[in-house]
Amino acid sequence: MEQVLKIYRSFIESREEFKFKKPWLDHQVLGLPKNAKSGEVYLGGNDLLLSLLQDELGLDLPFFLNRSNIEQLNLDVPSECIAVCQKVVELYVHETLDSNDPEKWISTKKYKLLTQQQGQESYRQQKIIKQFEIFHHSQFTNGLRDNEIYQSWIESYKETKLLKKLEQCRTDEERQRLFDPKIYAAKCVIDASRKAMGIDLIEHPTSCHYSPAKDQIAMVSEQNFITDNPELVYTGAYCHELSHSTGHEKRLKRNLTGNFGSSNYGMEELCAESSSLQLLKRFNLPSVTDKQSAAYIANWLKTQQDSGSKDFLSIACHQGSNAADFILTKAKEYQAKLVENLDIEQFRISCLSKGYSNVDTDTLFIADYLNKTAMKAINKFLNQRFDALNEVERLLATGKLLSSSKEQFLLDYDFRDFLKKEHSVLIFDATQAGRIVSEYSLNDIFNTDVDARFDDYALIKQFHASYGKDKITEYLNQLEIDGVQLKGDAEAVDTIRELTDKQYLFDVSDKPSCRRKITR
């Protein structure tokens, strides 16, 4: 609580007028704070604290380390931590032992090793708050860029990939162009969720608010937001008001009663702030809290802290997390209805009439669906075709695809037929969808299990990653163990030979081998 309050105070006491930080100018990628090794997202007050700290300290990525992680990296623990977080743990306490006795408190694992005769009946379960220190890679030499173990932990995260794209941009304009489509797509996702919940949206001249009685959101028009990035601030305010709406009795049933300054009002404000912050982080966008909201939340938190009755920060943040999840779930429901009544002609018309800039919400959702369908179909198609082959057969298939454009054409032709028959999707539409997904970074926005765009090269790239060129060393190592030599189509074998130095595993007429020759 005190750490969160400290950040809010520094924000409030700043002499400068509110101006959100632009991560694209600071080489910063925002996201939900997570453990660098496990990828586990921090929850509740920990999430809010670490999100605020990333903004406050300008940390490049939202990945954090605990003491155990640092030990696994064989590094010295820094003298100071970034933050002190907390978690609830279940322990067992012995009522009669002295407080200094090491057996006074035992873990669940140790308790289960006991039997009733050995003393289980003397312990009772109790939940306690345990504090733990949090660190960041920026505290270490070169930000752990040269640490291979750490880099292997974070290389697959979407935030890491986005930072690489950001670092490749040469100008501020290029950096902002990387984020502008994300802002637009995020606004579309929020709007789709509102529609799925059946909430009316009206324009208001001076105020953004949610009315529980009318189940209605009022927003000042985007053009009337006085800032140098009105679309982002509008999206942030929209997230906040939609988060309030999740508390309606038809949805998550939070207590939305209470006048300004009351405990209920303050709890709901923090809940909505936590939810909108999490949503923006999932979209890799910065918080847009203004001074007035920050001052109110800080004052309310201080009042609750002084009362000492409950951990209102954790409670409100937990409710905020539920609200954010609810909003994204509703957005997926909106997408599911679109897919159920898919109008592919309308999708094509939208692409042709608007190009790939400023497409509408429905077009974005359909593009995401088509891209995911095509990319998953590639894996299914390749599995059916190559899973049953042995190493020799896969090597020869790889050689043929690398050396013959005809083989690539035939594989592509078969996949087109597979995609149409199995999923009723044409390759042309999948390619259009892939371009939209790429432009608007929809794989980041929709947070799906597909992290690539479909294009003309997707099939061959996935083949080489799963069965082909990227697996050659693995296959040849197995042939060496089995005492097998590669023998087959001369052009295919020659192509594979050029990619390895293990020439003794090839059966070639101009270079006799003393090893026994086995053809699978």
Protein backbone atom coordinates (compact mmCIF):
# COMPACT_ATOMS: atom_id res chain seq x y z
CA MET A 1 0.00 0.00 0.00
CA GLU A 2 2.73 2.46 1.00
CA GLN A 3 4.72 1.74 -2.18
CA VAL A 4 1.65 2.40 -4.36
CA LEU A 5 0.84 5.57 -2.41
CA LYS A 6 4.40 6.81 -2.83
CA ILE A 7 4.14 6.55 -6.62
CA TYR A 8 0.77 8.31 -6.68
CA ARG A 9 2.13 11.07 -4.42
CA SER A 10 5.10 11.71 -6.71
CA PHE A 11 2.67 11.90 -9.61
CA ILE A 12 0.34 14.28 -7.78
CA GLU A 13 3.09 16.52 -6.42
CA SER A 14 4.75 16.99 -9.80
CA ARG A 15 4.61 20.61 -10.92
CA GLU A 16 4.06 19.63 -14.52
CA GLU A 17 0.57 19.22 -15.92
CA PHE A 18 -0.48 15.66 -16.60
CA LYS A 19 1.12 14.24 -19.71
CA PHE A 20 1.20 10.50 -20.22
CA LYS A 21 4.56 8.98 -21.03
CA LYS A 22 5.01 7.74 -24.56
CA PRO A 23 6.69 4.33 -24.38
CA TRP A 24 7.44 4.36 -28.08
CA LEU A 25 9.76 7.34 -27.52
CA ASP A 26 11.40 5.84 -24.42
CA HIS A 27 12.09 2.42 -26.01
CA GLN A 28 9.70 0.89 -23.53
CA VAL A 29 7.25 -1.98 -24.05
CA LEU A 30 4.42 -2.25 -21.57
CA GLY A 31 2.56 -5.43 -20.69
CA LEU A 32 1.19 -7.31 -17.71
CA PRO A 33 4.01 -7.70 -15.14
CA LYS A 34 5.22 -11.28 -15.11
CA ASN A 35 7.94 -13.48 -13.68
CA ALA A 36 10.80 -13.55 -16.18
CA LYS A 37 11.33 -17.32 -15.98
CA SER A 38 7.85 -18.81 -15.56
CA GLY A 39 5.84 -16.14 -17.39
CA GLU A 40 3.38 -16.21 -14.49
CA VAL A 41 1.52 -12.89 -14.26
CA TYR A 42 1.57 -11.04 -10.93
CA LEU A 43 -1.90 -10.51 -9.46
CA GLY A 44 -3.80 -8.04 -7.30
CA GLY A 45 -1.88 -5.22 -5.67
CA ASN A 46 1.39 -6.69 -6.95
CA ASP A 47 0.20 -6.16 -10.52
CA LEU A 48 -0.78 -2.53 -9.88
CA LEU A 49 2.47 -1.77 -8.03
CA LEU A 50 4.76 -3.27 -10.70
CA SER A 51 2.80 -1.66 -13.55
CA LEU A 52 3.13 1.75 -11.89
CA LEU A 53 6.82 1.12 -11.23
CA GLN A 54 7.52 0.23 -14.83
CA ASP A 55 6.07 3.58 -15.88
CA GLU A 56 7.76 5.47 -13.03
CA LEU A 57 11.24 3.98 -13.53
CA GLY A 58 11.09 3.70 -17.33
CA LEU A 59 11.79 -0.07 -17.33
CA ASP A 60 12.03 -1.43 -20.86
CA LEU A 61 10.13 -4.69 -20.30
CA PRO A 62 7.61 -5.87 -17.66
CA PHE A 63 9.64 -8.93 -16.62
CA PHE A 64 10.72 -9.30 -12.99
CA LEU A 65 12.98 -11.59 -10.96
CA ASN A 66 12.79 -13.01 -7.46
CA ARG A 67 15.75 -14.18 -5.35
CA SER A 68 15.40 -17.76 -6.57
CA ASN A 69 15.59 -16.63 -10.21
CA ILE A 70 18.75 -14.64 -9.54
CA GLU A 71 20.37 -17.65 -7.87
CA GLN A 72 19.49 -19.78 -10.91
CA LEU A 73 21.31 -17.23 -13.06
CA ASN A 74 24.38 -17.52 -10.77
CA LEU A 75 24.29 -13.78 -10.06
CA ASP A 76 24.73 -11.75 -6.90
CA VAL A 77 21.53 -10.32 -5.49
CA PRO A 78 21.50 -6.50 -5.77
CA SER A 79 21.73 -4.56 -2.52
CA GLU A 80 18.32 -2.98 -3.14
CA CYS A 81 15.19 -4.45 -4.69
CA ILE A 82 12.79 -2.78 -7.13
CA ALA A 83 9.78 -3.54 -4.93
CA VAL A 84 8.50 -5.64 -2.06
CA CYS A 85 5.45 -7.66 -3.07
CA GLN A 86 3.24 -9.97 -1.07
CA LYS A 87 1.37 -13.23 -1.48
CA VAL A 88 -0.93 -15.40 0.61
CA VAL A 89 0.58 -18.76 1.58
CA GLU A 90 -0.89 -21.68 3.53
CA LEU A 91 1.17 -22.87 6.50
CA TYR A 92 0.51 -25.04 9.54
CA VAL A 93 1.05 -23.69 13.05
CA HIS A 94 1.70 -25.71 16.26
CA GLU A 95 -0.33 -24.11 19.04
CA THR A 96 1.88 -25.07 21.99
CA LEU A 97 5.44 -24.73 20.66
CA ASP A 98 7.49 -21.66 21.49
CA SER A 99 7.55 -18.97 18.80
CA ASN A 100 11.31 -19.48 18.32
CA ASP A 101 10.93 -23.22 17.71
CA PRO A 102 11.66 -24.08 14.04
CA GLU A 103 8.75 -26.54 14.13
CA LYS A 104 6.29 -23.84 15.19
CA TRP A 105 5.42 -23.17 11.53
CA ILE A 106 5.70 -25.84 8.85
CA SER A 107 4.87 -25.96 5.14
CA THR A 108 2.00 -27.88 3.58
CA LYS A 109 4.50 -30.31 2.08
CA LYS A 110 6.06 -31.03 5.46
CA TYR A 111 2.65 -31.32 7.11
CA LYS A 112 1.59 -34.00 4.61
CA LEU A 113 4.67 -36.04 5.50
CA LEU A 114 3.46 -36.23 9.10
CA THR A 115 0.97 -38.84 10.29
CA GLN A 116 -1.62 -38.33 12.99
CA GLN A 117 0.59 -40.26 15.41
CA GLN A 118 3.58 -38.09 14.52
CA GLY A 119 1.72 -34.92 15.36
CA GLN A 120 -0.62 -33.81 12.55
CA GLU A 121 -3.36 -33.27 15.11
CA SER A 122 -1.20 -30.67 16.90
CA TYR A 123 -1.17 -28.36 13.88
CA ARG A 124 -3.86 -26.18 12.38
CA GLN A 125 -3.90 -24.59 8.94
CA GLN A 126 -3.45 -20.82 8.73
CA LYS A 127 -3.09 -18.43 5.83
CA ILE A 128 -0.46 -15.73 6.22
CA ILE A 129 0.87 -12.85 4.15
CA LYS A 130 4.42 -13.48 2.99
CA GLN A 131 6.56 -10.69 1.58
CA PHE A 132 9.09 -11.23 -1.17
CA GLU A 133 11.56 -8.96 -2.95
CA ILE A 134 11.34 -8.21 -6.66
CA PHE A 135 14.21 -7.25 -8.99
CA HIS A 136 14.58 -6.29 -12.66
CA HIS A 137 17.19 -7.07 -15.31
CA SER A 138 18.00 -3.35 -15.59
CA GLN A 139 19.78 -3.67 -12.22
CA PHE A 140 22.45 -5.93 -13.74
CA THR A 141 25.34 -5.28 -16.10
CA ASN A 142 24.13 -4.61 -19.65
CA GLY A 143 20.59 -5.48 -18.60
CA LEU A 144 21.44 -9.23 -18.80
CA ARG A 145 21.62 -8.99 -22.59
CA ASP A 146 24.72 -11.18 -22.51
CA ASN A 147 23.18 -13.73 -20.14
CA GLU A 148 22.16 -16.65 -22.34
CA ILE A 149 20.01 -18.30 -19.67
CA TYR A 150 18.01 -15.14 -19.03
CA GLN A 151 17.61 -14.43 -22.75
CA SER A 152 16.30 -17.96 -23.27
CA TRP A 153 13.65 -17.26 -20.61
CA ILE A 154 12.31 -14.12 -22.27
CA GLU A 155 12.92 -14.66 -26.00
CA SER A 156 9.47 -16.13 -26.74
CA TYR A 157 7.45 -13.40 -24.99
CA LYS A 158 5.50 -11.06 -27.26
CA GLU A 159 6.83 -8.03 -25.39
CA THR A 160 10.42 -9.05 -26.22
CA LYS A 161 9.58 -9.33 -29.90
CA LEU A 162 7.83 -5.95 -29.86
CA LEU A 163 10.87 -4.30 -28.23
CA LYS A 164 13.08 -5.63 -31.02
CA LYS A 165 10.75 -4.06 -33.58
CA LEU A 166 10.81 -0.80 -31.65
CA GLU A 167 14.61 -0.76 -31.51
CA GLN A 168 14.77 -1.25 -35.28
CA CYS A 169 12.81 1.97 -35.89
CA ARG A 170 15.02 4.88 -36.94
CA THR A 171 12.81 7.89 -36.20
CA ASP A 172 10.22 8.96 -33.63
CA GLU A 173 7.60 8.93 -36.39
CA GLU A 174 8.39 5.29 -37.19
CA ARG A 175 8.15 4.38 -33.50
CA GLN A 176 4.78 6.03 -33.10
CA ARG A 177 3.52 4.38 -36.30
CA LEU A 178 4.30 1.05 -34.63
CA PHE A 179 1.85 1.89 -31.82
CA ASP A 180 -0.87 3.88 -33.58
CA PRO A 181 -2.57 0.77 -35.04
CA LYS A 182 -2.47 -0.84 -31.58
CA ILE A 183 -4.37 2.10 -30.12
CA TYR A 184 -6.99 1.90 -32.84
CA ALA A 185 -7.36 -1.89 -32.53
CA ALA A 186 -7.60 -1.63 -28.72
CA LYS A 187 -10.42 0.90 -29.06
CA CYS A 188 -12.20 -1.49 -31.44
CA VAL A 189 -11.88 -4.38 -28.96
CA ILE A 190 -13.32 -2.25 -26.14
CA ASP A 191 -16.19 -1.07 -28.36
CA ALA A 192 -16.97 -4.65 -29.42
CA SER A 193 -17.12 -5.71 -25.77
CA ARG A 194 -19.54 -2.87 -24.99
CA LYS A 195 -21.80 -3.96 -27.86
CA ALA A 196 -21.70 -7.58 -26.65
CA MET A 197 -22.82 -6.39 -23.19
CA GLY A 198 -25.68 -4.40 -24.70
CA ILE A 199 -24.56 -1.06 -23.21
CA ASP A 200 -25.55 2.18 -24.94
CA LEU A 201 -22.86 4.75 -25.78
CA ILE A 202 -23.81 8.43 -25.99
CA GLU A 203 -21.76 11.56 -26.59
CA HIS A 204 -21.54 14.06 -23.72
CA PRO A 205 -20.21 17.62 -24.04
CA THR A 206 -18.12 17.70 -20.85
CA SER A 207 -18.10 14.41 -18.95
CA CYS A 208 -17.09 10.76 -19.31
CA HIS A 209 -19.10 8.56 -16.94
CA TYR A 210 -21.14 5.38 -16.52
CA SER A 211 -24.76 5.45 -15.33
CA PRO A 212 -25.81 2.19 -13.59
CA ALA A 213 -29.48 3.22 -13.63
CA LYS A 214 -29.49 3.65 -17.43
CA ASP A 215 -26.74 1.06 -18.03
CA GLN A 216 -25.20 3.65 -20.30
CA ILE A 217 -21.72 5.07 -20.97
CA ALA A 218 -21.26 8.74 -21.81
CA MET A 219 -18.05 9.86 -23.52
CA VAL A 220 -16.74 13.24 -24.60
CA SER A 221 -16.01 13.08 -28.32
CA GLU A 222 -12.46 12.11 -29.19
CA GLN A 223 -11.91 15.43 -30.95
CA ASN A 224 -12.58 17.31 -27.70
CA PHE A 225 -9.81 15.60 -25.73
CA ILE A 226 -7.19 18.33 -25.37
CA THR A 227 -3.92 16.38 -25.67
CA ASP A 228 -1.36 15.54 -28.33
CA ASN A 229 -2.70 11.98 -28.63
CA PRO A 230 -6.49 12.20 -28.15
CA GLU A 231 -7.12 8.69 -29.50
CA LEU A 232 -4.99 7.09 -26.77
CA VAL A 233 -6.47 9.15 -23.92
CA TYR A 234 -9.99 8.51 -25.26
CA THR A 235 -9.26 4.76 -25.34
CA GLY A 236 -7.97 4.87 -21.76
CA ALA A 237 -11.07 6.73 -20.53
CA TYR A 238 -13.28 4.31 -22.48
CA CYS A 239 -11.55 1.36 -20.75
CA HIS A 240 -12.19 3.00 -17.36
CA GLU A 241 -15.92 3.62 -17.95
CA LEU A 242 -16.49 0.17 -19.46
CA SER A 243 -14.77 -1.32 -16.41
CA HIS A 244 -17.37 0.44 -14.21
CA SER A 245 -20.14 -1.13 -16.29
CA THR A 246 -18.97 -4.67 -15.46
CA GLY A 247 -20.14 -4.07 -11.87
CA HIS A 248 -23.81 -3.88 -12.93
CA GLU A 249 -26.15 -6.40 -11.29
CA LYS A 250 -26.54 -8.13 -14.70
CA ARG A 251 -22.79 -8.79 -14.77
CA LEU A 252 -20.30 -9.03 -11.88
CA LYS A 253 -22.66 -7.48 -9.30
CA ARG A 254 -20.32 -5.11 -7.47
CA ASN A 255 -21.72 -2.50 -5.10
CA LEU A 256 -22.10 0.59 -7.31
CA THR A 257 -23.99 2.63 -4.73
CA GLY A 258 -22.44 5.45 -2.73
CA ASN A 259 -21.80 9.14 -3.24
CA PHE A 260 -18.48 10.78 -4.07
CA GLY A 261 -16.07 10.33 -1.17
CA SER A 262 -17.80 7.27 0.28
CA SER A 263 -16.03 3.96 0.85
CA ASN A 264 -18.08 2.22 -1.88
CA TYR A 265 -17.30 5.00 -4.36
CA GLY A 266 -13.58 4.85 -3.63
CA MET A 267 -13.47 1.06 -3.90
CA GLU A 268 -15.21 1.16 -7.28
CA GLU A 269 -12.89 3.90 -8.58
CA LEU A 270 -9.82 1.85 -7.70
CA CYS A 271 -11.41 -1.26 -9.22
CA ALA A 272 -12.07 0.56 -12.51
CA GLU A 273 -8.59 2.10 -12.47
CA SER A 274 -7.00 -1.31 -11.91
CA SER A 275 -9.10 -2.89 -14.68
CA SER A 276 -8.35 -0.16 -17.25
CA LEU A 277 -4.65 -0.28 -16.36
CA GLN A 278 -4.58 -4.04 -16.95
CA LEU A 279 -6.45 -3.71 -20.25
CA LEU A 280 -4.07 -1.05 -21.52
CA LYS A 281 -1.06 -3.14 -20.49
CA ARG A 282 -2.48 -6.15 -22.37
CA PHE A 283 -2.65 -3.89 -25.41
CA ASN A 284 0.96 -2.71 -24.72
CA LEU A 285 -0.29 0.83 -24.10
CA PRO A 286 0.48 3.30 -21.27
CA SER A 287 -1.79 4.31 -18.41
CA VAL A 288 -3.65 7.58 -18.94
CA THR A 289 -4.60 8.38 -15.34
CA ASP A 290 -4.84 12.14 -14.79
CA LYS A 291 -3.86 14.11 -11.67
CA GLN A 292 -7.40 14.48 -10.43
CA SER A 293 -8.08 10.73 -10.51
CA ALA A 294 -4.68 9.95 -9.01
CA ALA A 295 -5.28 12.43 -6.16
CA TYR A 296 -8.68 10.96 -5.40
CA ILE A 297 -7.44 7.35 -5.40
CA ALA A 298 -4.41 8.26 -3.24
CA ASN A 299 -6.54 10.09 -0.69
CA TRP A 300 -9.04 7.25 -0.54
CA LEU A 301 -6.29 4.62 -0.17
CA LYS A 302 -4.72 6.66 2.64
CA THR A 303 -8.07 6.75 4.45
CA GLN A 304 -8.45 2.99 4.14
CA GLN A 305 -4.85 2.44 5.24
CA ASP A 306 -5.40 4.53 8.37
CA SER A 307 -8.53 2.55 9.24
CA GLY A 308 -6.49 -0.67 9.04
CA SER A 309 -9.58 -2.84 8.66
CA LYS A 310 -8.99 -4.63 5.34
CA ASP A 311 -6.47 -4.86 2.52
CA PHE A 312 -8.64 -2.72 0.22
CA LEU A 313 -5.85 -2.39 -2.32
CA SER A 314 -5.65 -6.15 -2.98
CA ILE A 315 -9.44 -6.54 -2.91
CA ALA A 316 -10.03 -3.74 -5.41
CA CYS A 317 -7.21 -4.93 -7.69
CA HIS A 318 -8.59 -8.47 -7.64
CA GLN A 319 -12.01 -7.14 -8.65
CA GLY A 320 -10.31 -5.03 -11.33
CA SER A 321 -8.66 -8.15 -12.74
CA ASN A 322 -12.03 -9.89 -12.89
CA ALA A 323 -13.50 -6.85 -14.67
CA ALA A 324 -10.70 -6.82 -17.29
CA ASP A 325 -11.12 -10.57 -17.92
CA PHE A 326 -14.89 -10.11 -18.24
CA ILE A 327 -14.44 -7.35 -20.84
CA LEU A 328 -12.07 -9.44 -22.98
CA THR A 329 -14.36 -12.46 -22.70
CA LYS A 330 -17.24 -10.38 -24.03
CA ALA A 331 -15.06 -9.21 -26.92
CA LYS A 332 -14.40 -12.85 -27.83
CA GLU A 333 -18.15 -13.54 -27.67
CA TYR A 334 -18.67 -10.68 -30.12
CA GLN A 335 -16.10 -12.25 -32.44
CA ALA A 336 -17.74 -15.69 -32.14
CA LYS A 337 -21.08 -14.27 -33.32
CA LEU A 338 -19.39 -12.60 -36.28
CA VAL A 339 -17.74 -15.88 -37.26
CA GLU A 340 -21.01 -17.77 -36.84
CA ASN A 341 -22.63 -15.43 -39.37
CA LEU A 342 -19.51 -14.86 -41.45
CA ASP A 343 -20.05 -12.63 -44.47
CA ILE A 344 -16.85 -13.14 -46.40
CA GLU A 345 -18.01 -10.87 -49.24
CA GLN A 346 -18.40 -8.00 -46.79
CA PHE A 347 -14.88 -8.69 -45.49
CA ARG A 348 -13.50 -8.49 -49.04
CA ILE A 349 -15.40 -5.29 -49.78
CA SER A 350 -14.08 -3.70 -46.58
CA CYS A 351 -10.50 -4.61 -47.52
CA LEU A 352 -10.88 -3.25 -51.04
CA SER A 353 -12.71 -0.04 -50.14
CA LYS A 354 -10.55 0.97 -47.17
CA GLY A 355 -7.27 -0.71 -47.92
CA TYR A 356 -5.52 -1.75 -44.74
CA SER A 357 -5.84 1.55 -42.89
CA ASN A 358 -8.73 2.37 -40.58
CA VAL A 359 -10.69 -0.81 -41.27
CA ASP A 360 -13.76 -1.22 -39.08
CA THR A 361 -14.13 -3.31 -35.93
CA ASP A 362 -15.83 -6.26 -37.65
CA THR A 363 -13.11 -6.44 -40.31
CA LEU A 364 -10.41 -6.59 -37.62
CA PHE A 365 -12.19 -9.42 -35.79
CA ILE A 366 -12.76 -11.42 -38.98
CA ALA A 367 -9.13 -10.90 -40.02
CA ASP A 368 -7.97 -12.26 -36.67
CA TYR A 369 -10.22 -15.31 -37.09
CA LEU A 370 -9.11 -16.05 -40.67
CA ASN A 371 -5.43 -15.65 -39.78
CA LYS A 372 -5.70 -17.98 -36.78
CA THR A 373 -7.63 -20.52 -38.83
CA ALA A 374 -5.07 -20.54 -41.65
CA MET A 375 -2.04 -20.75 -39.34
CA LYS A 376 -3.55 -23.62 -37.32
CA ALA A 377 -4.55 -25.36 -40.57
CA ILE A 378 -0.88 -25.27 -41.65
CA ASN A 379 0.15 -27.23 -38.56
CA LYS A 380 -2.64 -29.78 -39.03
CA PHE A 381 -1.84 -30.20 -42.73
CA LEU A 382 1.88 -30.68 -42.10
CA ASN A 383 1.25 -33.10 -39.24
CA GLN A 384 -0.91 -35.30 -41.43
CA ARG A 385 1.65 -35.24 -44.22
CA PHE A 386 4.98 -35.60 -42.41
CA ASP A 387 4.46 -36.98 -38.89
CA ALA A 388 4.60 -40.62 -39.99
CA LEU A 389 7.81 -40.22 -42.04
CA ASN A 390 11.19 -41.33 -40.73
CA GLU A 391 14.35 -39.21 -40.70
CA VAL A 392 15.49 -40.25 -44.19
CA GLU A 393 12.10 -39.52 -45.73
CA ARG A 394 11.90 -36.10 -44.05
CA LEU A 395 15.43 -35.23 -45.19
CA LEU A 396 14.61 -36.16 -48.78
CA ALA A 397 11.37 -34.15 -48.62
CA THR A 398 13.36 -31.19 -47.32
CA GLY A 399 15.91 -31.50 -50.11
CA LYS A 400 13.18 -31.62 -52.76
CA LEU A 401 11.42 -28.53 -51.40
CA LEU A 402 14.70 -26.61 -51.19
CA SER A 403 15.83 -27.56 -54.72
CA SER A 404 12.57 -27.64 -56.68
CA SER A 405 10.06 -24.83 -57.15
CA LYS A 406 7.71 -27.44 -58.57
CA GLU A 407 7.68 -29.33 -55.26
CA GLN A 408 6.93 -26.11 -53.41
CA PHE A 409 4.07 -25.36 -55.81
CA LEU A 410 2.58 -28.84 -55.36
CA LEU A 411 2.75 -28.60 -51.56
CA ASP A 412 1.16 -25.15 -51.67
CA TYR A 413 -1.56 -26.39 -54.05
CA ASP A 414 -2.42 -29.30 -51.74
CA PHE A 415 -2.61 -26.96 -48.76
CA ARG A 416 -4.94 -24.57 -50.58
CA ASP A 417 -7.25 -27.49 -51.28
CA PHE A 418 -6.99 -28.64 -47.64
CA LEU A 419 -7.78 -25.15 -46.28
CA LYS A 420 -10.83 -24.84 -48.50
CA LYS A 421 -12.23 -28.32 -47.80
CA GLU A 422 -11.50 -28.46 -44.07
CA HIS A 423 -12.22 -24.83 -43.08
CA SER A 424 -14.08 -23.25 -46.05
CA VAL A 425 -11.38 -20.56 -46.25
CA LEU A 426 -9.79 -19.41 -49.49
CA ILE A 427 -6.07 -18.71 -49.57
CA PHE A 428 -6.72 -15.21 -50.95
CA ASP A 429 -8.85 -14.27 -47.92
CA ALA A 430 -6.30 -15.74 -45.50
CA THR A 431 -3.56 -13.65 -47.12
CA GLN A 432 -5.67 -10.48 -46.88
CA ALA A 433 -6.33 -11.27 -43.23
CA GLY A 434 -2.62 -11.82 -42.56
CA ARG A 435 -1.80 -8.33 -43.84
CA ILE A 436 -4.37 -6.75 -41.53
CA VAL A 437 -3.16 -8.81 -38.58
CA SER A 438 0.38 -7.63 -39.26
CA GLU A 439 -0.53 -3.95 -39.65
CA TYR A 440 -2.64 -3.80 -36.49
CA SER A 441 -0.55 -6.24 -34.40
CA LEU A 442 -3.71 -8.23 -33.73
CA ASN A 443 -1.81 -11.24 -32.41
CA ASP A 444 -0.69 -8.98 -29.54
CA ILE A 445 -4.07 -7.28 -29.11
CA PHE A 446 -6.14 -10.47 -29.11
CA ASN A 447 -3.50 -12.36 -27.12
CA THR A 448 -4.04 -15.64 -28.98
CA ASP A 449 -1.93 -18.78 -29.19
CA VAL A 450 -0.96 -17.80 -32.76
CA ASP A 451 1.91 -15.33 -32.97
CA ALA A 452 2.55 -15.20 -36.73
CA ARG A 453 0.78 -13.75 -39.75
CA PHE A 454 -0.33 -15.83 -42.69
CA ASP A 455 1.36 -14.94 -45.98
CA ASP A 456 2.63 -16.61 -49.16
CA TYR A 457 5.66 -18.01 -47.31
CA ALA A 458 3.95 -19.19 -44.11
CA LEU A 459 3.52 -22.81 -45.22
CA ILE A 460 7.15 -23.33 -46.27
CA LYS A 461 8.48 -21.47 -43.22
CA GLN A 462 6.42 -23.64 -40.89
CA PHE A 463 7.49 -26.81 -42.71
CA HIS A 464 11.16 -25.98 -42.24
CA ALA A 465 10.61 -25.08 -38.59
CA SER A 466 8.71 -28.28 -37.79
CA TYR A 467 10.11 -30.87 -40.19
CA GLY A 468 12.60 -29.37 -42.63
CA LYS A 469 15.75 -27.26 -42.71
CA ASP A 470 15.74 -26.38 -39.01
CA LYS A 471 15.70 -30.10 -38.14
CA ILE A 472 18.47 -31.31 -40.45
CA THR A 473 21.15 -31.58 -37.75
CA GLU A 474 18.74 -33.48 -35.50
CA TYR A 475 17.91 -35.97 -38.27
CA LEU A 476 21.53 -36.49 -39.28
CA ASN A 477 22.54 -37.09 -35.67
CA GLN A 478 19.93 -39.84 -35.47
CA LEU A 479 21.14 -41.39 -38.73
CA GLU A 480 24.67 -41.41 -37.33
CA ILE A 481 23.50 -43.20 -34.19
CA ASP A 482 21.58 -45.75 -36.27
CA GLY A 483 24.47 -46.30 -38.70
CA VAL A 484 22.36 -45.18 -41.65
CA GLN A 485 23.42 -43.25 -44.75
CA LEU A 486 21.26 -40.89 -46.77
CA LYS A 487 20.49 -42.26 -50.21
CA GLY A 488 17.86 -41.13 -52.68
CA ASP A 489 17.07 -38.49 -55.26
CA ALA A 490 20.46 -37.05 -56.32
CA GLU A 491 19.34 -33.41 -56.45
CA ALA A 492 17.64 -33.60 -53.06
CA VAL A 493 20.63 -35.34 -51.45
CA ASP A 494 23.07 -32.80 -52.90
CA THR A 495 20.98 -29.96 -51.52
CA ILE A 496 21.10 -31.46 -48.02
CA ARG A 497 24.88 -32.07 -48.31
CA GLU A 498 25.46 -28.35 -48.84
CA LEU A 499 23.88 -27.62 -45.45
CA THR A 500 26.06 -29.87 -43.30
CA ASP A 501 29.64 -31.01 -42.82
CA LYS A 502 28.67 -34.61 -42.02
CA GLN A 503 29.59 -35.86 -45.49
CA TYR A 504 30.24 -39.43 -44.28
CA LEU A 505 26.50 -39.87 -43.79
CA PHE A 506 25.80 -39.53 -47.53
CA ASP A 507 25.94 -42.32 -50.09
CA VAL A 508 27.58 -40.68 -53.13
CA SER A 509 29.15 -42.52 -56.07
CA ASP A 510 32.14 -40.14 -56.39
CA LYS A 511 33.09 -40.57 -52.74
CA PRO A 512 32.88 -44.25 -51.64
CA SER A 513 32.23 -44.85 -47.98
CA CYS A 514 33.50 -47.65 -45.75
CA ARG A 515 30.38 -47.47 -43.58
CA ARG A 516 27.61 -49.99 -44.16
CA LYS A 517 24.87 -48.68 -46.39
CA ILE A 518 21.28 -48.98 -45.25
CA THR A 519 18.34 -47.44 -47.07
CA ARG A 520 15.17 -46.95 -45.12
